[in-house]
Amino acid sequence: MLIALHVGLNVPNTCFSNCQENIITMAKQFDELVLKPIDSNGVWNEEEEQEYVFYTQKVSSEAIMSAPKEAFMQTVSFVQNYIPKAFELRVTVVAGKVFCCKIESQHLADDCGRIDWRQGDGKGLKYSPYKLPDSISQKCLQFLRLMKLNFGDFDFIVTSSGEYVFLECNPNGQWLWIELGTGMKISEAIAAALETGKGLIAY
């Protein structure tokens, strides 16, 4: 998040804490917040042979403020202010080449992709190629240079006013679904990078 701020990207207000006071202080500033997983996206239930995925959850600030103290002490909470979206973007950068996918999730229900687009798979989620503004592309490239990476999957929110808000960059993000759904030649870019002998980790 600090690197994103450093290169000039907009980021949500963010709090990592297991201190009730810190999180309530943030909750008082906004009507709604989102809770996100930090380390793992889910847990595997051996008996049911099923994975339970931790999706981003939208909660009212009122609910946060009325939660018992023990709810904050058991683990570090990753809390951000909820930002209404016009649509979302997945930006895949491969050795300097930028591939941008528009994700239209806001016609879906909250628990079917509107809050966390990953829940929209098979439920009418729409995606297509998108022309990313050059200013945002350059900031993504600068971000990766500072992180000593030449591959990254960026997630952005785009608001109704046209503001681009950085959420995260995954250095090993999934990309094949984008290629299959949009026709963008991400695999060719990866192959070309590998042919140079540079690999896809560091410059």
N, C-alpha and C. Protein backbone atom coordinates (compact mmCIF):
# COMPACT_ATOMS: atom_id res chain seq x y z
N MET A 1 0.83 -1.20 0.00
CA MET A 1 0.00 0.00 0.00
C MET A 1 0.87 1.27 0.00
N LEU A 2 1.98 1.21 0.75
CA LEU A 2 2.87 2.36 0.80
C LEU A 2 3.53 2.63 -0.55
N ILE A 3 3.91 1.55 -1.24
CA ILE A 3 4.50 1.71 -2.57
C ILE A 3 3.49 2.30 -3.54
N ALA A 4 2.24 1.85 -3.46
CA ALA A 4 1.18 2.38 -4.32
C ALA A 4 1.01 3.88 -4.09
N LEU A 5 1.00 4.28 -2.83
CA LEU A 5 0.92 5.71 -2.51
C LEU A 5 2.13 6.46 -3.05
N HIS A 6 3.29 5.85 -2.92
CA HIS A 6 4.54 6.49 -3.35
C HIS A 6 4.53 6.80 -4.84
N VAL A 7 3.95 5.89 -5.66
CA VAL A 7 3.94 6.12 -7.11
C VAL A 7 2.75 6.97 -7.55
N GLY A 8 1.91 7.37 -6.59
CA GLY A 8 0.83 8.29 -6.92
C GLY A 8 -0.52 7.66 -7.17
N LEU A 9 -0.69 6.39 -6.80
CA LEU A 9 -1.98 5.74 -6.96
C LEU A 9 -2.90 6.08 -5.79
N ASN A 10 -4.19 6.16 -6.07
CA ASN A 10 -5.17 6.34 -5.01
C ASN A 10 -5.41 5.01 -4.31
N VAL A 11 -5.49 5.01 -2.99
CA VAL A 11 -5.75 3.79 -2.23
C VAL A 11 -6.85 4.07 -1.22
N PRO A 12 -7.60 3.04 -0.81
CA PRO A 12 -8.62 3.24 0.23
C PRO A 12 -7.97 3.56 1.57
N ASN A 13 -8.72 4.16 2.47
CA ASN A 13 -8.28 4.26 3.85
C ASN A 13 -8.17 2.85 4.40
N THR A 14 -7.04 2.53 5.04
CA THR A 14 -6.75 1.15 5.40
C THR A 14 -6.27 1.07 6.85
N CYS A 15 -6.72 0.02 7.54
CA CYS A 15 -6.28 -0.22 8.91
C CYS A 15 -6.00 -1.71 9.09
N PHE A 16 -4.79 -2.03 9.56
CA PHE A 16 -4.44 -3.39 9.99
C PHE A 16 -4.28 -3.34 11.51
N SER A 17 -5.11 -4.04 12.24
CA SER A 17 -4.99 -3.95 13.69
C SER A 17 -5.78 -5.06 14.38
N ASN A 18 -5.34 -5.43 15.59
CA ASN A 18 -6.14 -6.27 16.46
C ASN A 18 -6.53 -5.48 17.71
N CYS A 19 -6.49 -4.17 17.58
CA CYS A 19 -6.87 -3.27 18.66
C CYS A 19 -8.25 -2.67 18.35
N GLN A 20 -9.21 -2.94 19.20
CA GLN A 20 -10.58 -2.46 18.99
C GLN A 20 -10.63 -0.95 18.81
N GLU A 21 -9.86 -0.23 19.59
CA GLU A 21 -9.89 1.23 19.53
C GLU A 21 -9.49 1.75 18.16
N ASN A 22 -8.45 1.15 17.56
CA ASN A 22 -7.99 1.60 16.25
C ASN A 22 -9.06 1.41 15.19
N ILE A 23 -9.70 0.25 15.20
CA ILE A 23 -10.69 -0.05 14.17
C ILE A 23 -11.96 0.77 14.36
N ILE A 24 -12.36 0.97 15.61
CA ILE A 24 -13.55 1.79 15.86
C ILE A 24 -13.29 3.24 15.47
N THR A 25 -12.08 3.72 15.70
CA THR A 25 -11.73 5.08 15.28
C THR A 25 -11.92 5.24 13.78
N MET A 26 -11.52 4.23 13.03
CA MET A 26 -11.72 4.28 11.58
C MET A 26 -13.21 4.16 11.23
N ALA A 27 -13.92 3.26 11.91
CA ALA A 27 -15.33 3.03 11.61
C ALA A 27 -16.16 4.30 11.80
N LYS A 28 -15.78 5.13 12.72
CA LYS A 28 -16.52 6.36 12.98
C LYS A 28 -16.46 7.34 11.81
N GLN A 29 -15.50 7.14 10.89
CA GLN A 29 -15.32 8.05 9.77
C GLN A 29 -16.16 7.68 8.55
N PHE A 30 -16.70 6.44 8.53
CA PHE A 30 -17.39 5.95 7.33
C PHE A 30 -18.67 5.20 7.73
N ASP A 31 -19.63 5.17 6.81
CA ASP A 31 -20.86 4.42 7.06
C ASP A 31 -20.66 2.92 6.87
N GLU A 32 -19.80 2.57 5.90
CA GLU A 32 -19.59 1.15 5.60
C GLU A 32 -18.11 0.86 5.43
N LEU A 33 -17.71 -0.34 5.83
CA LEU A 33 -16.34 -0.80 5.69
C LEU A 33 -16.32 -2.14 4.99
N VAL A 34 -15.14 -2.57 4.54
CA VAL A 34 -14.97 -3.92 4.04
C VAL A 34 -13.91 -4.62 4.89
N LEU A 35 -14.13 -5.90 5.13
CA LEU A 35 -13.18 -6.76 5.83
C LEU A 35 -12.58 -7.71 4.82
N LYS A 36 -11.25 -7.86 4.85
CA LYS A 36 -10.55 -8.68 3.87
C LYS A 36 -9.65 -9.69 4.57
N PRO A 37 -9.41 -10.84 3.92
CA PRO A 37 -8.42 -11.79 4.46
C PRO A 37 -7.01 -11.26 4.23
N ILE A 38 -6.10 -11.63 5.12
CA ILE A 38 -4.71 -11.16 5.00
C ILE A 38 -3.81 -12.24 4.41
N ASP A 39 -3.85 -13.43 5.00
CA ASP A 39 -2.88 -14.46 4.63
C ASP A 39 -3.48 -15.53 3.73
N SER A 40 -4.64 -16.05 4.08
CA SER A 40 -5.22 -17.17 3.35
C SER A 40 -6.56 -16.80 2.77
N ASN A 41 -6.85 -17.31 1.57
CA ASN A 41 -8.15 -17.05 0.94
C ASN A 41 -9.23 -18.03 1.37
N GLY A 42 -8.87 -19.04 2.17
CA GLY A 42 -9.88 -20.00 2.57
C GLY A 42 -9.31 -21.12 3.41
N VAL A 43 -10.19 -22.02 3.83
CA VAL A 43 -9.80 -23.20 4.60
C VAL A 43 -10.43 -24.43 3.97
N TRP A 44 -9.74 -25.57 4.12
CA TRP A 44 -10.21 -26.83 3.55
C TRP A 44 -10.85 -27.67 4.65
N ASN A 45 -12.09 -28.09 4.44
CA ASN A 45 -12.80 -28.95 5.38
C ASN A 45 -12.59 -30.39 4.96
N GLU A 46 -11.80 -31.13 5.74
CA GLU A 46 -11.47 -32.51 5.38
C GLU A 46 -12.70 -33.40 5.36
N GLU A 47 -13.58 -33.24 6.34
CA GLU A 47 -14.76 -34.10 6.43
C GLU A 47 -15.70 -33.91 5.25
N GLU A 48 -15.91 -32.66 4.85
CA GLU A 48 -16.82 -32.36 3.75
C GLU A 48 -16.11 -32.34 2.40
N GLU A 49 -14.77 -32.41 2.42
CA GLU A 49 -13.96 -32.31 1.21
C GLU A 49 -14.37 -31.09 0.38
N GLN A 50 -14.38 -29.96 1.05
CA GLN A 50 -14.83 -28.72 0.42
C GLN A 50 -14.02 -27.55 0.97
N GLU A 51 -13.69 -26.61 0.08
CA GLU A 51 -12.99 -25.41 0.50
C GLU A 51 -13.98 -24.29 0.79
N TYR A 52 -13.78 -23.61 1.91
CA TYR A 52 -14.59 -22.45 2.25
C TYR A 52 -13.71 -21.21 2.05
N VAL A 53 -14.11 -20.39 1.09
CA VAL A 53 -13.30 -19.25 0.68
C VAL A 53 -13.69 -18.02 1.49
N PHE A 54 -12.68 -17.25 1.91
CA PHE A 54 -12.91 -15.99 2.61
C PHE A 54 -13.01 -14.87 1.57
N TYR A 55 -14.21 -14.44 1.28
CA TYR A 55 -14.39 -13.34 0.34
C TYR A 55 -14.43 -12.01 1.10
N THR A 56 -14.15 -10.94 0.39
CA THR A 56 -14.29 -9.61 0.98
C THR A 56 -15.73 -9.38 1.40
N GLN A 57 -15.93 -8.89 2.62
CA GLN A 57 -17.27 -8.68 3.16
C GLN A 57 -17.51 -7.21 3.45
N LYS A 58 -18.68 -6.72 3.05
CA LYS A 58 -19.07 -5.35 3.40
C LYS A 58 -19.87 -5.38 4.70
N VAL A 59 -19.51 -4.52 5.62
CA VAL A 59 -20.21 -4.45 6.91
C VAL A 59 -20.50 -2.99 7.25
N SER A 60 -21.54 -2.77 8.00
CA SER A 60 -21.83 -1.41 8.45
C SER A 60 -20.88 -1.03 9.57
N SER A 61 -20.53 0.23 9.62
CA SER A 61 -19.67 0.70 10.69
C SER A 61 -20.35 0.53 12.04
N GLU A 62 -21.66 0.63 12.05
CA GLU A 62 -22.42 0.43 13.29
C GLU A 62 -22.21 -0.98 13.84
N ALA A 63 -22.19 -1.98 12.93
CA ALA A 63 -21.97 -3.35 13.37
C ALA A 63 -20.57 -3.54 13.92
N ILE A 64 -19.59 -2.88 13.30
CA ILE A 64 -18.22 -2.96 13.79
C ILE A 64 -18.13 -2.38 15.20
N MET A 65 -18.76 -1.25 15.40
CA MET A 65 -18.65 -0.57 16.69
C MET A 65 -19.38 -1.30 17.80
N SER A 66 -20.34 -2.16 17.45
CA SER A 66 -21.09 -2.89 18.48
C SER A 66 -20.53 -4.30 18.71
N ALA A 67 -19.49 -4.68 17.97
CA ALA A 67 -18.90 -6.01 18.13
C ALA A 67 -18.15 -6.09 19.46
N PRO A 68 -18.13 -7.28 20.10
CA PRO A 68 -17.43 -7.42 21.38
C PRO A 68 -15.92 -7.28 21.21
N LYS A 69 -15.25 -6.89 22.27
CA LYS A 69 -13.81 -6.67 22.24
C LYS A 69 -13.06 -7.91 21.77
N GLU A 70 -13.55 -9.10 22.16
CA GLU A 70 -12.89 -10.36 21.80
C GLU A 70 -12.83 -10.57 20.29
N ALA A 71 -13.77 -10.01 19.57
CA ALA A 71 -13.80 -10.17 18.11
C ALA A 71 -12.60 -9.50 17.45
N PHE A 72 -12.01 -8.52 18.10
CA PHE A 72 -10.88 -7.79 17.54
C PHE A 72 -9.54 -8.38 17.99
N MET A 73 -9.54 -9.05 19.15
CA MET A 73 -8.29 -9.51 19.74
C MET A 73 -7.78 -10.82 19.15
N GLN A 74 -8.67 -11.62 18.55
CA GLN A 74 -8.30 -12.97 18.11
C GLN A 74 -7.40 -12.98 16.89
N THR A 75 -7.48 -11.95 16.07
CA THR A 75 -6.66 -11.89 14.86
C THR A 75 -6.52 -10.45 14.41
N VAL A 76 -5.55 -10.19 13.56
CA VAL A 76 -5.41 -8.86 12.97
C VAL A 76 -6.49 -8.69 11.90
N SER A 77 -7.21 -7.60 11.97
CA SER A 77 -8.25 -7.31 10.98
C SER A 77 -7.68 -6.40 9.90
N PHE A 78 -8.07 -6.68 8.67
CA PHE A 78 -7.70 -5.87 7.50
C PHE A 78 -8.97 -5.13 7.09
N VAL A 79 -9.03 -3.85 7.39
CA VAL A 79 -10.26 -3.07 7.23
C VAL A 79 -10.00 -1.90 6.29
N GLN A 80 -10.93 -1.68 5.35
CA GLN A 80 -10.86 -0.52 4.46
C GLN A 80 -12.24 0.11 4.36
N ASN A 81 -12.29 1.39 3.97
CA ASN A 81 -13.59 2.00 3.72
C ASN A 81 -14.18 1.43 2.44
N TYR A 82 -15.50 1.23 2.45
CA TYR A 82 -16.18 0.72 1.26
C TYR A 82 -16.28 1.82 0.21
N ILE A 83 -15.88 1.49 -1.02
CA ILE A 83 -15.92 2.45 -2.12
C ILE A 83 -16.88 1.94 -3.19
N PRO A 84 -18.00 2.62 -3.43
CA PRO A 84 -18.92 2.21 -4.49
C PRO A 84 -18.20 2.20 -5.85
N LYS A 85 -18.53 1.20 -6.68
CA LYS A 85 -17.82 0.99 -7.93
C LYS A 85 -18.73 1.23 -9.13
N ALA A 86 -18.15 1.73 -10.20
CA ALA A 86 -18.83 1.66 -11.50
C ALA A 86 -18.49 0.31 -12.13
N PHE A 87 -17.20 -0.06 -12.02
CA PHE A 87 -16.72 -1.36 -12.48
C PHE A 87 -15.35 -1.58 -11.87
N GLU A 88 -14.76 -2.74 -12.14
CA GLU A 88 -13.44 -3.07 -11.62
C GLU A 88 -12.50 -3.43 -12.76
N LEU A 89 -11.20 -3.42 -12.46
CA LEU A 89 -10.19 -3.76 -13.46
C LEU A 89 -9.22 -4.78 -12.89
N ARG A 90 -8.81 -5.72 -13.74
CA ARG A 90 -7.66 -6.57 -13.44
C ARG A 90 -6.60 -6.23 -14.49
N VAL A 91 -5.49 -5.69 -14.02
CA VAL A 91 -4.43 -5.25 -14.91
C VAL A 91 -3.25 -6.21 -14.76
N THR A 92 -2.95 -6.92 -15.84
CA THR A 92 -1.84 -7.88 -15.84
C THR A 92 -0.66 -7.26 -16.58
N VAL A 93 0.48 -7.16 -15.89
CA VAL A 93 1.68 -6.59 -16.50
C VAL A 93 2.72 -7.69 -16.65
N VAL A 94 3.19 -7.87 -17.89
CA VAL A 94 4.19 -8.90 -18.19
C VAL A 94 5.38 -8.24 -18.86
N ALA A 95 6.48 -8.14 -18.12
CA ALA A 95 7.73 -7.59 -18.68
C ALA A 95 7.49 -6.29 -19.45
N GLY A 96 6.74 -5.39 -18.85
CA GLY A 96 6.51 -4.09 -19.44
C GLY A 96 5.29 -3.98 -20.32
N LYS A 97 4.64 -5.09 -20.65
CA LYS A 97 3.42 -5.07 -21.46
C LYS A 97 2.21 -5.10 -20.53
N VAL A 98 1.24 -4.22 -20.80
CA VAL A 98 0.09 -4.06 -19.93
C VAL A 98 -1.16 -4.59 -20.61
N PHE A 99 -1.84 -5.50 -19.93
CA PHE A 99 -3.11 -6.07 -20.41
C PHE A 99 -4.18 -5.73 -19.37
N CYS A 100 -5.23 -5.06 -19.81
CA CYS A 100 -6.25 -4.59 -18.87
C CYS A 100 -7.61 -5.22 -19.19
N CYS A 101 -8.22 -5.79 -18.16
CA CYS A 101 -9.52 -6.45 -18.28
C CYS A 101 -10.55 -5.70 -17.44
N LYS A 102 -11.64 -5.30 -18.07
CA LYS A 102 -12.75 -4.65 -17.36
C LYS A 102 -13.67 -5.71 -16.79
N ILE A 103 -13.99 -5.61 -15.52
CA ILE A 103 -14.86 -6.57 -14.84
C ILE A 103 -16.14 -5.85 -14.43
N GLU A 104 -17.24 -6.24 -15.02
CA GLU A 104 -18.53 -5.62 -14.72
C GLU A 104 -19.29 -6.51 -13.73
N SER A 105 -19.29 -6.08 -12.49
CA SER A 105 -19.87 -6.88 -11.40
C SER A 105 -21.03 -6.19 -10.69
N GLN A 106 -21.29 -4.94 -11.02
CA GLN A 106 -22.23 -4.19 -10.20
C GLN A 106 -23.70 -4.47 -10.50
N HIS A 107 -23.99 -5.31 -11.50
CA HIS A 107 -25.36 -5.74 -11.74
C HIS A 107 -25.71 -6.98 -10.92
N LEU A 108 -24.72 -7.51 -10.20
CA LEU A 108 -24.91 -8.72 -9.41
C LEU A 108 -25.28 -8.37 -7.97
N ALA A 109 -25.77 -9.37 -7.23
CA ALA A 109 -26.09 -9.18 -5.82
C ALA A 109 -24.81 -9.09 -5.01
N ASP A 110 -24.92 -8.54 -3.79
CA ASP A 110 -23.75 -8.35 -2.94
C ASP A 110 -22.97 -9.64 -2.73
N ASP A 111 -23.69 -10.75 -2.50
CA ASP A 111 -23.01 -12.02 -2.22
C ASP A 111 -22.79 -12.87 -3.45
N CYS A 112 -22.96 -12.25 -4.62
CA CYS A 112 -22.76 -12.98 -5.89
C CYS A 112 -21.81 -12.25 -6.83
N GLY A 113 -20.96 -11.39 -6.27
CA GLY A 113 -19.96 -10.73 -7.10
C GLY A 113 -19.92 -9.23 -7.02
N ARG A 114 -20.94 -8.59 -6.48
CA ARG A 114 -20.96 -7.13 -6.44
C ARG A 114 -19.88 -6.58 -5.50
N ILE A 115 -19.66 -7.25 -4.38
CA ILE A 115 -18.64 -6.81 -3.42
C ILE A 115 -17.28 -7.40 -3.78
N ASP A 116 -17.25 -8.71 -4.01
CA ASP A 116 -16.03 -9.42 -4.37
C ASP A 116 -16.31 -10.16 -5.67
N TRP A 117 -15.73 -9.67 -6.78
CA TRP A 117 -16.10 -10.20 -8.10
C TRP A 117 -15.80 -11.69 -8.24
N ARG A 118 -14.94 -12.24 -7.40
CA ARG A 118 -14.63 -13.67 -7.48
C ARG A 118 -15.87 -14.53 -7.22
N GLN A 119 -16.84 -13.98 -6.51
CA GLN A 119 -18.08 -14.72 -6.26
C GLN A 119 -19.00 -14.73 -7.47
N GLY A 120 -18.67 -13.96 -8.50
CA GLY A 120 -19.55 -13.84 -9.65
C GLY A 120 -19.31 -14.87 -10.74
N ASP A 121 -18.31 -15.73 -10.55
CA ASP A 121 -18.03 -16.74 -11.56
C ASP A 121 -19.23 -17.64 -11.77
N GLY A 122 -19.70 -17.72 -13.01
CA GLY A 122 -20.87 -18.54 -13.33
C GLY A 122 -22.19 -17.90 -12.98
N LYS A 123 -22.17 -16.62 -12.59
CA LYS A 123 -23.40 -15.95 -12.17
C LYS A 123 -23.67 -14.69 -12.99
N GLY A 124 -23.10 -14.64 -14.17
CA GLY A 124 -23.35 -13.51 -15.05
C GLY A 124 -22.31 -12.42 -15.00
N LEU A 125 -21.13 -12.72 -14.42
CA LEU A 125 -20.04 -11.76 -14.41
C LEU A 125 -19.59 -11.47 -15.85
N LYS A 126 -19.39 -10.21 -16.17
CA LYS A 126 -18.99 -9.83 -17.51
C LYS A 126 -17.61 -9.20 -17.49
N TYR A 127 -16.77 -9.56 -18.48
CA TYR A 127 -15.46 -8.92 -18.59
C TYR A 127 -15.05 -8.79 -20.04
N SER A 128 -14.20 -7.78 -20.29
CA SER A 128 -13.81 -7.43 -21.66
C SER A 128 -12.52 -6.63 -21.62
N PRO A 129 -11.81 -6.54 -22.78
CA PRO A 129 -10.60 -5.70 -22.83
C PRO A 129 -10.94 -4.24 -22.52
N TYR A 130 -9.99 -3.53 -21.93
CA TYR A 130 -10.23 -2.14 -21.53
C TYR A 130 -8.96 -1.34 -21.78
N LYS A 131 -9.14 -0.13 -22.28
CA LYS A 131 -8.01 0.77 -22.53
C LYS A 131 -7.68 1.52 -21.24
N LEU A 132 -6.59 1.12 -20.61
CA LEU A 132 -6.19 1.76 -19.36
C LEU A 132 -5.49 3.09 -19.67
N PRO A 133 -5.82 4.15 -18.94
CA PRO A 133 -5.12 5.42 -19.16
C PRO A 133 -3.61 5.24 -19.00
N ASP A 134 -2.86 5.91 -19.84
CA ASP A 134 -1.40 5.76 -19.81
C ASP A 134 -0.82 6.15 -18.45
N SER A 135 -1.44 7.13 -17.79
CA SER A 135 -0.92 7.56 -16.48
C SER A 135 -1.01 6.43 -15.46
N ILE A 136 -2.07 5.63 -15.52
CA ILE A 136 -2.20 4.50 -14.58
C ILE A 136 -1.26 3.38 -14.98
N SER A 137 -1.12 3.12 -16.28
CA SER A 137 -0.17 2.11 -16.75
C SER A 137 1.24 2.41 -16.27
N GLN A 138 1.65 3.68 -16.39
CA GLN A 138 3.00 4.06 -15.99
C GLN A 138 3.21 3.90 -14.48
N LYS A 139 2.19 4.16 -13.71
CA LYS A 139 2.29 3.98 -12.25
C LYS A 139 2.39 2.50 -11.89
N CYS A 140 1.69 1.64 -12.64
CA CYS A 140 1.80 0.20 -12.41
C CYS A 140 3.22 -0.27 -12.74
N LEU A 141 3.79 0.22 -13.83
CA LEU A 141 5.14 -0.15 -14.21
C LEU A 141 6.16 0.33 -13.18
N GLN A 142 5.95 1.54 -12.68
CA GLN A 142 6.85 2.07 -11.66
C GLN A 142 6.74 1.26 -10.38
N PHE A 143 5.53 0.87 -10.01
CA PHE A 143 5.30 0.03 -8.83
C PHE A 143 6.12 -1.25 -8.93
N LEU A 144 6.04 -1.92 -10.09
CA LEU A 144 6.76 -3.18 -10.25
C LEU A 144 8.27 -2.97 -10.23
N ARG A 145 8.75 -1.88 -10.81
CA ARG A 145 10.19 -1.61 -10.77
C ARG A 145 10.67 -1.46 -9.33
N LEU A 146 9.91 -0.75 -8.53
CA LEU A 146 10.29 -0.56 -7.13
C LEU A 146 10.23 -1.87 -6.33
N MET A 147 9.33 -2.76 -6.73
CA MET A 147 9.19 -4.05 -6.06
C MET A 147 10.14 -5.10 -6.65
N LYS A 148 10.93 -4.69 -7.67
CA LYS A 148 11.85 -5.59 -8.36
C LYS A 148 11.12 -6.80 -8.95
N LEU A 149 10.01 -6.51 -9.60
CA LEU A 149 9.20 -7.53 -10.28
C LEU A 149 9.01 -7.12 -11.73
N ASN A 150 8.82 -8.09 -12.60
CA ASN A 150 8.40 -7.76 -13.96
C ASN A 150 7.10 -8.46 -14.35
N PHE A 151 6.41 -9.00 -13.35
CA PHE A 151 5.05 -9.53 -13.54
C PHE A 151 4.22 -9.12 -12.34
N GLY A 152 2.97 -8.75 -12.58
CA GLY A 152 2.06 -8.44 -11.49
C GLY A 152 0.63 -8.34 -11.98
N ASP A 153 -0.30 -8.80 -11.15
CA ASP A 153 -1.73 -8.64 -11.43
C ASP A 153 -2.29 -7.60 -10.46
N PHE A 154 -2.69 -6.45 -10.99
CA PHE A 154 -3.24 -5.36 -10.19
C PHE A 154 -4.76 -5.41 -10.20
N ASP A 155 -5.35 -5.12 -9.06
CA ASP A 155 -6.81 -4.97 -8.97
C ASP A 155 -7.13 -3.51 -8.66
N PHE A 156 -8.05 -2.96 -9.45
CA PHE A 156 -8.49 -1.58 -9.28
C PHE A 156 -10.01 -1.50 -9.20
N ILE A 157 -10.49 -0.51 -8.47
CA ILE A 157 -11.88 -0.06 -8.54
C ILE A 157 -11.89 1.20 -9.41
N VAL A 158 -12.91 1.33 -10.25
CA VAL A 158 -13.15 2.58 -10.95
C VAL A 158 -14.50 3.11 -10.48
N THR A 159 -14.51 4.32 -9.96
CA THR A 159 -15.73 4.89 -9.40
C THR A 159 -16.57 5.54 -10.50
N SER A 160 -17.78 5.93 -10.14
CA SER A 160 -18.67 6.57 -11.12
C SER A 160 -18.13 7.92 -11.58
N SER A 161 -17.25 8.52 -10.78
CA SER A 161 -16.64 9.80 -11.18
C SER A 161 -15.36 9.61 -11.99
N GLY A 162 -14.97 8.34 -12.24
CA GLY A 162 -13.80 8.06 -13.05
C GLY A 162 -12.50 7.97 -12.27
N GLU A 163 -12.58 7.85 -10.95
CA GLU A 163 -11.37 7.73 -10.13
C GLU A 163 -10.90 6.28 -10.13
N TYR A 164 -9.60 6.08 -10.30
CA TYR A 164 -8.99 4.75 -10.26
C TYR A 164 -8.41 4.53 -8.86
N VAL A 165 -8.86 3.46 -8.21
CA VAL A 165 -8.45 3.19 -6.83
C VAL A 165 -7.74 1.84 -6.77
N PHE A 166 -6.48 1.85 -6.38
CA PHE A 166 -5.67 0.65 -6.25
C PHE A 166 -6.13 -0.18 -5.06
N LEU A 167 -6.29 -1.50 -5.27
CA LEU A 167 -6.60 -2.40 -4.18
C LEU A 167 -5.41 -3.26 -3.80
N GLU A 168 -4.79 -3.89 -4.79
CA GLU A 168 -3.65 -4.76 -4.49
C GLU A 168 -2.91 -5.12 -5.76
N CYS A 169 -1.72 -5.69 -5.58
CA CYS A 169 -0.97 -6.29 -6.69
C CYS A 169 -0.52 -7.67 -6.27
N ASN A 170 -0.93 -8.67 -7.03
CA ASN A 170 -0.56 -10.06 -6.76
C ASN A 170 0.61 -10.43 -7.67
N PRO A 171 1.78 -10.78 -7.12
CA PRO A 171 2.94 -11.10 -7.96
C PRO A 171 2.85 -12.47 -8.62
N ASN A 172 1.81 -13.24 -8.28
CA ASN A 172 1.62 -14.55 -8.91
C ASN A 172 0.14 -14.77 -9.21
N GLY A 173 -0.50 -13.73 -9.73
CA GLY A 173 -1.94 -13.77 -9.95
C GLY A 173 -2.35 -14.63 -11.14
N GLN A 174 -3.61 -15.07 -11.12
CA GLN A 174 -4.14 -15.87 -12.22
C GLN A 174 -4.44 -14.96 -13.42
N TRP A 175 -4.11 -15.47 -14.61
CA TRP A 175 -4.28 -14.66 -15.81
C TRP A 175 -4.92 -15.42 -16.97
N LEU A 176 -4.89 -16.75 -16.94
CA LEU A 176 -5.39 -17.52 -18.09
C LEU A 176 -6.87 -17.26 -18.35
N TRP A 177 -7.66 -17.09 -17.28
CA TRP A 177 -9.09 -16.84 -17.46
C TRP A 177 -9.33 -15.55 -18.23
N ILE A 178 -8.41 -14.58 -18.06
CA ILE A 178 -8.54 -13.32 -18.80
C ILE A 178 -8.29 -13.56 -20.28
N GLU A 179 -7.23 -14.32 -20.58
CA GLU A 179 -6.91 -14.60 -21.97
C GLU A 179 -8.04 -15.38 -22.65
N LEU A 180 -8.57 -16.39 -21.97
CA LEU A 180 -9.64 -17.20 -22.55
C LEU A 180 -10.91 -16.39 -22.76
N GLY A 181 -11.16 -15.44 -21.88
CA GLY A 181 -12.39 -14.67 -21.97
C GLY A 181 -12.33 -13.45 -22.85
N THR A 182 -11.12 -12.93 -23.07
CA THR A 182 -11.00 -11.68 -23.82
C THR A 182 -10.16 -11.80 -25.09
N GLY A 183 -9.36 -12.86 -25.20
CA GLY A 183 -8.49 -13.02 -26.36
C GLY A 183 -7.17 -12.28 -26.24
N MET A 184 -6.93 -11.58 -25.15
CA MET A 184 -5.65 -10.89 -24.99
C MET A 184 -4.52 -11.91 -24.85
N LYS A 185 -3.41 -11.68 -25.55
CA LYS A 185 -2.35 -12.67 -25.68
C LYS A 185 -1.33 -12.59 -24.53
N ILE A 186 -1.81 -12.85 -23.34
CA ILE A 186 -0.94 -12.78 -22.17
C ILE A 186 0.10 -13.91 -22.21
N SER A 187 -0.33 -15.10 -22.62
CA SER A 187 0.60 -16.24 -22.66
C SER A 187 1.74 -15.99 -23.63
N GLU A 188 1.46 -15.32 -24.75
CA GLU A 188 2.52 -15.01 -25.70
C GLU A 188 3.54 -14.05 -25.09
N ALA A 189 3.06 -13.10 -24.31
CA ALA A 189 3.97 -12.15 -23.66
C ALA A 189 4.84 -12.86 -22.62
N ILE A 190 4.24 -13.81 -21.91
CA ILE A 190 5.00 -14.58 -20.93
C ILE A 190 6.07 -15.42 -21.63
N ALA A 191 5.67 -16.07 -22.72
CA ALA A 191 6.62 -16.90 -23.46
C ALA A 191 7.77 -16.05 -24.01
N ALA A 192 7.44 -14.86 -24.52
CA ALA A 192 8.48 -13.98 -25.06
C ALA A 192 9.44 -13.54 -23.96
N ALA A 193 8.91 -13.27 -22.78
CA ALA A 193 9.78 -12.87 -21.66
C ALA A 193 10.68 -14.01 -21.23
N LEU A 194 10.14 -15.21 -21.23
CA LEU A 194 10.95 -16.36 -20.85
C LEU A 194 12.04 -16.64 -21.89
N GLU A 195 11.74 -16.38 -23.18
CA GLU A 195 12.72 -16.61 -24.24
C GLU A 195 13.94 -15.68 -24.11
N THR A 196 13.73 -14.53 -23.50
CA THR A 196 14.85 -13.60 -23.34
C THR A 196 15.83 -14.07 -22.28
N GLY A 197 15.41 -15.04 -21.46
CA GLY A 197 16.25 -15.55 -20.39
C GLY A 197 16.17 -14.75 -19.12
N LYS A 198 15.31 -13.72 -19.11
CA LYS A 198 15.18 -12.87 -17.92
C LYS A 198 14.25 -13.48 -16.88
N GLY A 199 13.38 -14.39 -17.32
CA GLY A 199 12.42 -14.96 -16.39
C GLY A 199 11.32 -13.97 -16.07
N LEU A 200 10.52 -14.27 -15.06
CA LEU A 200 9.40 -13.42 -14.71
C LEU A 200 9.38 -13.11 -13.23
N ILE A 201 10.54 -12.83 -12.66
CA ILE A 201 10.58 -12.49 -11.25
C ILE A 201 11.19 -11.11 -11.05
N ALA A 202 12.45 -10.94 -11.45
CA ALA A 202 13.13 -9.67 -11.18
C ALA A 202 13.72 -9.10 -12.45
N TYR A 203 13.89 -7.79 -12.48
CA TYR A 203 14.54 -7.14 -13.61
C TYR A 203 16.02 -7.49 -13.64
